[in-house]
Protein backbone atom coordinates (compact mmCIF):
# COMPACT_ATOMS: atom_id res chain seq x y z
CA UNK A 1 -7.20 -19.90 3.48
CA UNK A 2 -6.15 -22.46 6.15
CA UNK A 3 -6.58 -26.12 5.39
CA UNK A 4 -9.88 -27.58 6.72
CA UNK A 5 -9.60 -29.36 10.04
CA UNK A 6 -9.39 -33.15 9.63
CA UNK A 7 -12.49 -35.11 10.60
CA UNK A 8 -12.34 -37.93 13.12
CA UNK A 9 -11.44 -41.32 11.66
CA UNK A 10 -12.71 -44.72 12.71
CA UNK A 11 -10.49 -47.26 14.42
CA UNK A 12 -10.45 -49.31 11.24
CA UNK A 13 -9.23 -46.30 9.32
CA UNK A 14 -6.45 -45.75 11.84
CA UNK A 15 -5.39 -49.37 11.61
CA UNK A 16 -5.31 -49.10 7.84
CA UNK A 17 -3.17 -45.99 8.08
CA UNK A 18 -0.77 -47.74 10.46
CA UNK A 19 -0.47 -50.72 8.13
CA UNK A 20 0.20 -48.45 5.18
CA UNK A 21 2.87 -46.63 7.17
CA UNK A 22 4.58 -49.92 7.96
CA UNK A 23 4.57 -50.88 4.30
CA UNK A 24 6.03 -47.54 3.31
CA UNK A 25 8.70 -47.88 5.98
CA UNK A 26 9.64 -51.25 4.56
CA UNK A 27 10.00 -49.73 1.10
CA UNK A 28 12.22 -47.00 2.45
CA UNK A 29 14.43 -49.56 4.12
CA UNK A 30 14.91 -51.37 0.83
CA UNK A 31 16.13 -48.20 -0.88
CA UNK A 32 12.87 -46.88 -2.36
CA UNK A 33 11.77 -43.39 -1.22
CA UNK A 34 8.95 -41.07 -2.18
CA UNK A 35 9.81 -38.20 -4.52
CA UNK A 36 9.80 -34.76 -2.86
CA UNK A 37 6.67 -32.73 -3.44
CA UNK A 38 7.14 -30.14 -6.19
CA UNK A 39 7.57 -26.58 -4.94
CA UNK A 40 4.92 -24.14 -6.18
CA UNK A 41 6.08 -21.51 -8.64
CA UNK A 42 5.56 -17.88 -7.57
CA UNK A 43 3.25 -15.69 -9.61
CA UNK A 44 6.36 -13.81 -10.83
CA UNK A 45 10.06 -14.67 -10.65
CA UNK A 46 13.15 -12.49 -10.36
CA UNK A 47 13.90 -12.29 -14.09
CA UNK A 48 10.34 -11.31 -14.96
CA UNK A 49 10.30 -8.75 -12.14
CA UNK A 50 13.52 -7.16 -13.41
CA UNK A 51 12.01 -6.88 -16.90
CA UNK A 52 8.83 -5.38 -15.44
CA UNK A 53 10.70 -2.68 -13.52
CA UNK A 54 12.77 -1.78 -16.56
CA UNK A 55 9.61 -1.37 -18.65
CA UNK A 56 7.98 0.63 -15.84
CA UNK A 57 10.92 3.03 -15.70
CA UNK A 58 10.80 3.67 -19.45
CA UNK A 59 7.02 4.10 -19.68
CA UNK A 60 6.76 6.26 -16.56
CA UNK A 61 9.55 8.59 -17.66
CA UNK A 62 7.80 9.19 -20.98
CA UNK A 63 4.43 9.76 -19.28
CA UNK A 64 5.91 12.14 -16.72
CA UNK A 65 7.70 14.16 -19.39
CA UNK A 66 4.49 14.52 -21.42
CA UNK A 67 2.28 14.83 -18.31
CA UNK A 68 0.14 12.14 -19.90
CA UNK A 69 -2.11 10.36 -17.39
CA UNK A 70 -3.53 8.03 -20.05
CA UNK A 71 -0.05 6.83 -20.93
CA UNK A 72 0.75 6.36 -17.24
CA UNK A 73 -2.39 4.22 -16.89
CA UNK A 74 -0.66 1.58 -19.01
CA UNK A 75 1.76 0.87 -16.13
CA UNK A 76 0.04 2.24 -13.00
CA UNK A 77 -3.34 2.24 -11.30
CA UNK A 78 -5.03 3.09 -8.00
CA UNK A 79 -3.40 5.61 -5.66
CA UNK A 80 -0.21 5.84 -7.74
CA UNK A 81 -2.14 6.80 -10.87
CA UNK A 82 -4.52 9.19 -9.09
CA UNK A 83 -1.80 11.11 -7.27
CA UNK A 84 0.42 11.24 -10.36
CA UNK A 85 -2.41 12.54 -12.57
CA UNK A 86 -3.14 15.23 -9.98
CA UNK A 87 0.56 16.10 -9.87
CA UNK A 88 0.51 16.67 -13.64
CA UNK A 89 -2.29 19.23 -13.23
CA UNK A 90 -0.45 20.84 -10.33
CA UNK A 91 2.73 21.23 -12.37
CA UNK A 92 0.82 23.00 -15.13
CA UNK A 93 -1.09 25.26 -12.70
CA UNK A 94 2.03 26.27 -10.80
CA UNK A 95 4.40 26.44 -13.76
CA UNK A 96 6.57 23.64 -12.41
CA UNK A 97 8.82 21.43 -14.55
CA UNK A 98 7.97 17.76 -15.12
CA UNK A 99 9.35 15.14 -12.76
CA UNK A 100 12.91 14.24 -13.71
CA UNK A 101 13.39 10.68 -15.00
CA UNK A 102 14.35 8.14 -12.37
CA UNK A 103 14.79 4.39 -12.31
CA UNK A 104 12.91 1.82 -10.25
CA UNK A 105 14.46 -1.57 -9.56
CA UNK A 106 13.16 -4.72 -7.92
CA UNK A 107 13.94 -5.47 -4.30
CA UNK A 108 13.02 -8.55 -2.29
CA UNK A 109 10.24 -10.20 -4.27
CA UNK A 110 7.36 -11.49 -2.15
CA UNK A 111 5.00 -13.21 -4.57
CA UNK A 112 2.36 -15.78 -3.68
CA UNK A 113 2.21 -19.09 -5.50
CA UNK A 114 0.74 -18.91 -8.98
CA UNK A 115 -1.76 -21.59 -7.99
CA UNK A 116 -3.07 -19.34 -5.20
CA UNK A 117 -3.51 -16.10 -7.16
CA UNK A 118 -2.56 -14.43 -10.41
CA UNK A 119 -3.31 -10.98 -9.12
CA UNK A 120 -0.53 -9.38 -7.03
CA UNK A 121 2.99 -9.34 -5.60
CA UNK A 122 5.31 -7.17 -3.50
CA UNK A 123 8.80 -5.80 -4.06
CA UNK A 124 10.40 -4.67 -0.78
CA UNK A 125 13.40 -2.49 0.08
CA UNK A 126 14.64 -1.69 -3.41
CA UNK A 127 17.37 0.95 -3.47
CA UNK A 128 15.84 4.28 -4.45
CA UNK A 129 17.21 6.33 -7.34
CA UNK A 130 18.77 9.59 -6.02
CA UNK A 131 17.15 11.42 -8.96
CA UNK A 132 13.76 10.86 -7.30
CA UNK A 133 14.60 12.43 -3.93
CA UNK A 134 16.79 14.89 -2.06
CA UNK A 135 17.99 12.09 0.22
CA UNK A 136 18.64 8.38 0.37
CA UNK A 137 15.58 6.14 0.48
CA UNK A 138 14.33 2.64 -0.19
CA UNK A 139 11.22 1.82 -2.18
CA UNK A 140 8.61 -0.85 -1.53
CA UNK A 141 5.93 -1.44 -4.15
CA UNK A 142 2.78 -3.47 -4.72
CA UNK A 143 1.67 -4.58 -8.18
CA UNK A 144 -1.71 -5.90 -9.28
CA UNK A 145 -3.22 -7.26 -12.46
CA UNK A 146 -6.74 -8.22 -13.51
CA UNK A 147 -5.86 -11.68 -14.86
CA UNK A 148 -2.93 -13.85 -15.87
CA UNK A 149 -3.04 -12.30 -19.35
CA UNK A 150 -3.31 -8.69 -18.15
CA UNK A 151 -0.32 -6.38 -17.58
CA UNK A 152 1.13 -5.76 -14.15
CA UNK A 153 0.26 -2.29 -12.82
CA UNK A 154 2.04 -0.37 -10.06
CA UNK A 155 -0.63 0.21 -7.40
CA UNK A 156 1.08 1.18 -4.12
CA UNK A 157 4.47 2.85 -3.72
CA UNK A 158 6.12 3.47 -0.35
CA UNK A 159 9.38 5.40 0.05
CA UNK A 160 11.08 5.11 3.44
CA UNK A 161 14.35 5.99 5.12
CA UNK A 162 16.85 3.10 4.90
CA UNK A 163 17.05 3.08 8.70
CA UNK A 164 13.36 2.18 9.06
CA UNK A 165 12.92 -1.55 9.64
CA UNK A 166 10.68 -3.34 7.14
CA UNK A 167 9.27 -6.89 7.32
CA UNK A 168 11.17 -9.90 6.05
CA UNK A 169 8.70 -12.09 4.12
CA UNK A 170 8.62 -15.83 4.75
CA UNK A 171 9.12 -17.83 1.55
CA UNK A 172 8.32 -21.48 0.85
CA UNK A 173 10.03 -22.75 -2.27
CA UNK A 174 10.35 -19.20 -3.55
CA UNK A 175 6.68 -18.29 -2.96
CA UNK A 176 5.37 -16.01 -0.24
CA UNK A 177 3.10 -17.48 2.42
CA UNK A 178 -0.39 -16.26 3.28
CA UNK A 179 -1.60 -15.95 6.89
CA UNK A 180 -4.13 -18.11 8.70
CA UNK A 181 -7.58 -16.94 9.82
CA UNK A 182 -6.43 -15.84 13.28
CA UNK A 183 -3.60 -13.74 11.86
CA UNK A 184 -5.96 -12.13 9.35
CA UNK A 185 -8.30 -11.20 12.17
CA UNK A 186 -5.44 -9.49 13.99
CA UNK A 187 -4.63 -7.71 10.74
CA UNK A 188 -8.19 -6.42 10.44
CA UNK A 189 -8.03 -5.08 13.98
CA UNK A 190 -4.74 -3.32 13.23
CA UNK A 191 -6.20 -1.73 10.09
CA UNK A 192 -8.99 -0.24 12.21
CA UNK A 193 -6.39 1.18 14.61
CA UNK A 194 -4.42 2.71 11.73
CA UNK A 195 -7.57 4.29 10.30
CA UNK A 196 -8.49 5.69 13.70
CA UNK A 197 -5.02 7.21 14.02
CA UNK A 198 -5.33 8.82 10.58
CA UNK A 199 -8.66 10.39 11.51
CA UNK A 200 -7.84 11.58 15.03
CA UNK A 201 -4.07 11.66 15.42
CA UNK A 202 -4.46 9.47 18.54
CA UNK A 203 -2.81 6.05 18.45
CA UNK A 204 -4.22 2.93 20.09
CA UNK A 205 -1.99 1.58 22.90
CA UNK A 206 -1.03 -1.45 20.80
CA UNK A 207 -0.12 0.57 17.67
CA UNK A 208 3.46 1.82 17.20
CA UNK A 209 3.39 5.05 15.16
CA UNK A 210 7.08 5.95 15.48
CA UNK A 211 7.56 5.73 11.70
CA UNK A 212 4.10 6.94 10.65
CA UNK A 213 5.53 9.96 8.79
CA UNK A 214 2.75 12.19 7.38
CA UNK A 215 0.02 9.73 8.32
CA UNK A 216 0.38 11.48 11.69
CA UNK A 217 -0.89 14.75 10.15
CA UNK A 218 -3.65 13.28 7.99
CA UNK A 219 -6.28 14.42 10.50
CA UNK A 220 -5.28 18.06 9.88
CA UNK A 221 -4.69 17.91 6.11
CA UNK A 222 -6.35 20.48 3.88
CA UNK A 223 -6.80 24.22 4.33
CA UNK A 224 -6.81 25.65 7.87
CA UNK A 225 -10.01 27.21 9.23
CA UNK A 226 -9.01 28.95 12.48
CA UNK A 227 -11.88 30.22 14.58
CA UNK A 228 -14.55 28.19 12.80
CA UNK A 229 -17.84 28.36 14.71
CA UNK A 230 -21.38 27.04 14.10
CA UNK A 231 -22.29 30.53 12.91
CA UNK A 232 -19.54 30.69 10.30
CA UNK A 233 -19.76 27.20 8.79
CA UNK A 234 -19.07 23.50 9.08
CA UNK A 235 -16.07 21.22 8.70
CA UNK A 236 -16.27 17.47 8.16
CA UNK A 237 -13.42 14.97 8.00
CA UNK A 238 -13.39 11.37 6.87
CA UNK A 239 -10.74 8.72 6.23
CA UNK A 240 -11.08 5.38 4.47
CA UNK A 241 -8.96 2.74 2.78
CA UNK A 242 -8.68 2.83 -0.98
CA UNK A 243 -8.98 -0.35 -3.01
CA UNK A 244 -7.69 -2.91 -3.54
CA UNK A 245 -8.03 -4.61 -0.18
CA UNK A 246 -4.76 -5.20 1.69
CA UNK A 247 -2.96 -8.39 0.62
CA UNK A 248 -1.50 -9.96 3.75
CA UNK A 249 1.66 -12.06 3.78
CA UNK A 250 3.52 -13.86 6.55
CA UNK A 251 6.76 -12.27 7.77
CA UNK A 252 9.36 -13.46 10.26
CA UNK A 253 7.60 -11.39 12.94
CA UNK A 254 3.90 -11.70 12.13
CA UNK A 255 2.15 -10.51 8.96
CA UNK A 256 2.28 -7.38 6.82
CA UNK A 257 0.48 -5.57 4.01
CA UNK A 258 0.66 -2.32 2.10
CA UNK A 259 -2.46 -0.15 2.03
CA UNK A 260 -3.55 3.36 1.08
CA UNK A 261 -5.44 5.70 3.42
CA UNK A 262 -7.49 8.49 1.83
CA UNK A 263 -8.51 11.44 4.01
CA UNK A 264 -10.95 14.18 3.00
CA UNK A 265 -11.68 17.61 4.48
CA UNK A 266 -14.99 19.25 3.49
CA UNK A 267 -15.66 22.85 4.56
CA UNK A 268 -18.71 25.01 3.87
CA UNK A 269 -18.75 28.61 5.11
CA UNK A 270 -22.02 30.51 5.51
CA UNK A 271 -23.40 34.05 5.83
CA UNK A 272 -20.61 35.64 3.84
CA UNK A 273 -17.76 34.07 5.80
CA UNK A 274 -14.61 33.31 3.80
CA UNK A 275 -11.19 31.85 4.51
CA UNK A 276 -7.89 32.45 2.71
CA UNK A 277 -5.62 29.68 1.50
CA UNK A 278 -2.07 29.83 2.90
CA UNK A 279 -0.15 32.78 1.47
CA UNK A 280 3.22 31.04 1.31
CA UNK A 281 2.20 27.60 0.11
CA UNK A 282 -0.12 26.06 -2.43
CA UNK A 283 -2.01 22.81 -2.59
CA UNK A 284 -2.60 21.36 -5.99
CA UNK A 285 -4.20 23.72 -8.47
CA UNK A 286 -5.47 26.23 -5.87
CA UNK A 287 -3.48 29.50 -5.86
CA UNK A 288 -2.00 30.84 -2.64
CA UNK A 289 -3.80 33.58 -0.75
CA UNK A 290 -7.22 33.38 -2.43
CA UNK A 291 -10.48 33.62 -0.48
CA UNK A 292 -12.76 30.60 -0.49
CA UNK A 293 -16.30 29.98 0.73
CA UNK A 294 -16.25 26.18 0.36
CA UNK A 295 -13.81 23.42 -0.51
CA UNK A 296 -13.13 19.71 -0.50
CA UNK A 297 -9.53 18.53 -0.22
CA UNK A 298 -8.55 14.87 -0.45
CA UNK A 299 -5.07 13.47 0.10
CA UNK A 300 -3.81 9.91 0.18
CA UNK A 301 -0.96 8.31 2.09
CA UNK A 302 0.52 4.85 1.49
CA UNK A 303 1.28 2.82 4.60
CA UNK A 304 2.81 -0.52 5.53
CA UNK A 305 1.03 -2.25 8.41
CA UNK A 306 2.90 -4.95 10.35
CA UNK A 307 0.99 -7.07 12.87
CA UNK A 308 2.63 -9.31 15.45
CA UNK A 309 1.42 -12.55 17.02
CA UNK A 310 0.87 -10.86 20.40
CA UNK A 311 -1.64 -8.42 18.87
CA UNK A 312 0.67 -5.42 18.76
CA UNK A 313 1.23 -3.65 15.46
CA UNK A 314 3.18 -0.87 13.80
CA UNK A 315 2.57 1.41 10.86
CA UNK A 316 5.18 2.80 8.48
CA UNK A 317 3.90 5.82 6.59
CA UNK A 318 4.96 8.13 3.79
CA UNK A 319 4.12 11.56 2.41
CA UNK A 320 0.60 12.85 1.91
CA UNK A 321 -0.22 13.21 -1.77
CA UNK A 322 -3.18 15.32 -2.95
CA UNK A 323 -5.64 13.74 -5.34
CA UNK A 324 -8.51 16.25 -5.26
CA UNK A 325 -9.10 19.96 -4.55
CA UNK A 326 -12.59 21.20 -5.36
CA UNK A 327 -13.05 24.84 -4.30
CA UNK A 328 -15.65 27.60 -4.42
CA UNK A 329 -14.09 31.05 -4.62
CA UNK A 330 -15.62 33.75 -2.46
CA UNK A 331 -17.62 36.35 -4.41
């Protein structure tokens, strides 16, 4: 929150302040100076972050090997946990092997001052482990915790091409800096633009979607229903942000935050109409080429939203990850 605006002072108060300043100046001239203000400690430092990522790598590898969502919940939450738990079920349904072990390391740590919050921090542009991908990538992550005594949990995870520009956080004494009210308002406007793009595929004039990745296809995610008419059924689509709320920080070119967009397709076919799932691809636990009469498909995509002082913004996206497929098979 910004500091409250100072109230007007009386003339006597101003004179007193001037006198005090003169006295302080005299002290400085005689060799006495005020001690520098102590710098606030960040909510997590580099050494603690390195230990956290090492523990995350070990715990996640064990949970992935066992396909154990409860074990993964000890180190992850939110969209990361939901999409990973769904991936475990998908692997079993499709006869796929577990995810190979891979290491996560800390990048640029952007952590607010411990006095401001105990609840979150960012790690940006960490080198990705080749075992986790077919190509080179960098990883940006967002961690949360319920209290100072609670464990850190991986909440958002964004993998991007190394060539994609990411924000450079502004640090004061090692701690990240929060935005003022005006910047937050611009951030809220940008979030609405990003959500509108996810739902329609149409970007606002002030929103740069060059690096949106699969956020650009969120409005078509799910199973296709070609030729759908009022006589054959209905299709509804909705997109919303998942919790927690975006945590904004100041960067060298504005402000930024990671967020997660969840998009849902709901289809109900009537009067005996059915639709097949794609014959050459599968989504989650639903087999390929089966006939359905109704379904709900939800996928989530992690994004980084960067907002500039002039009101323009950009969104950096990632892959869509399914978290729900509820289907009704045709009789």
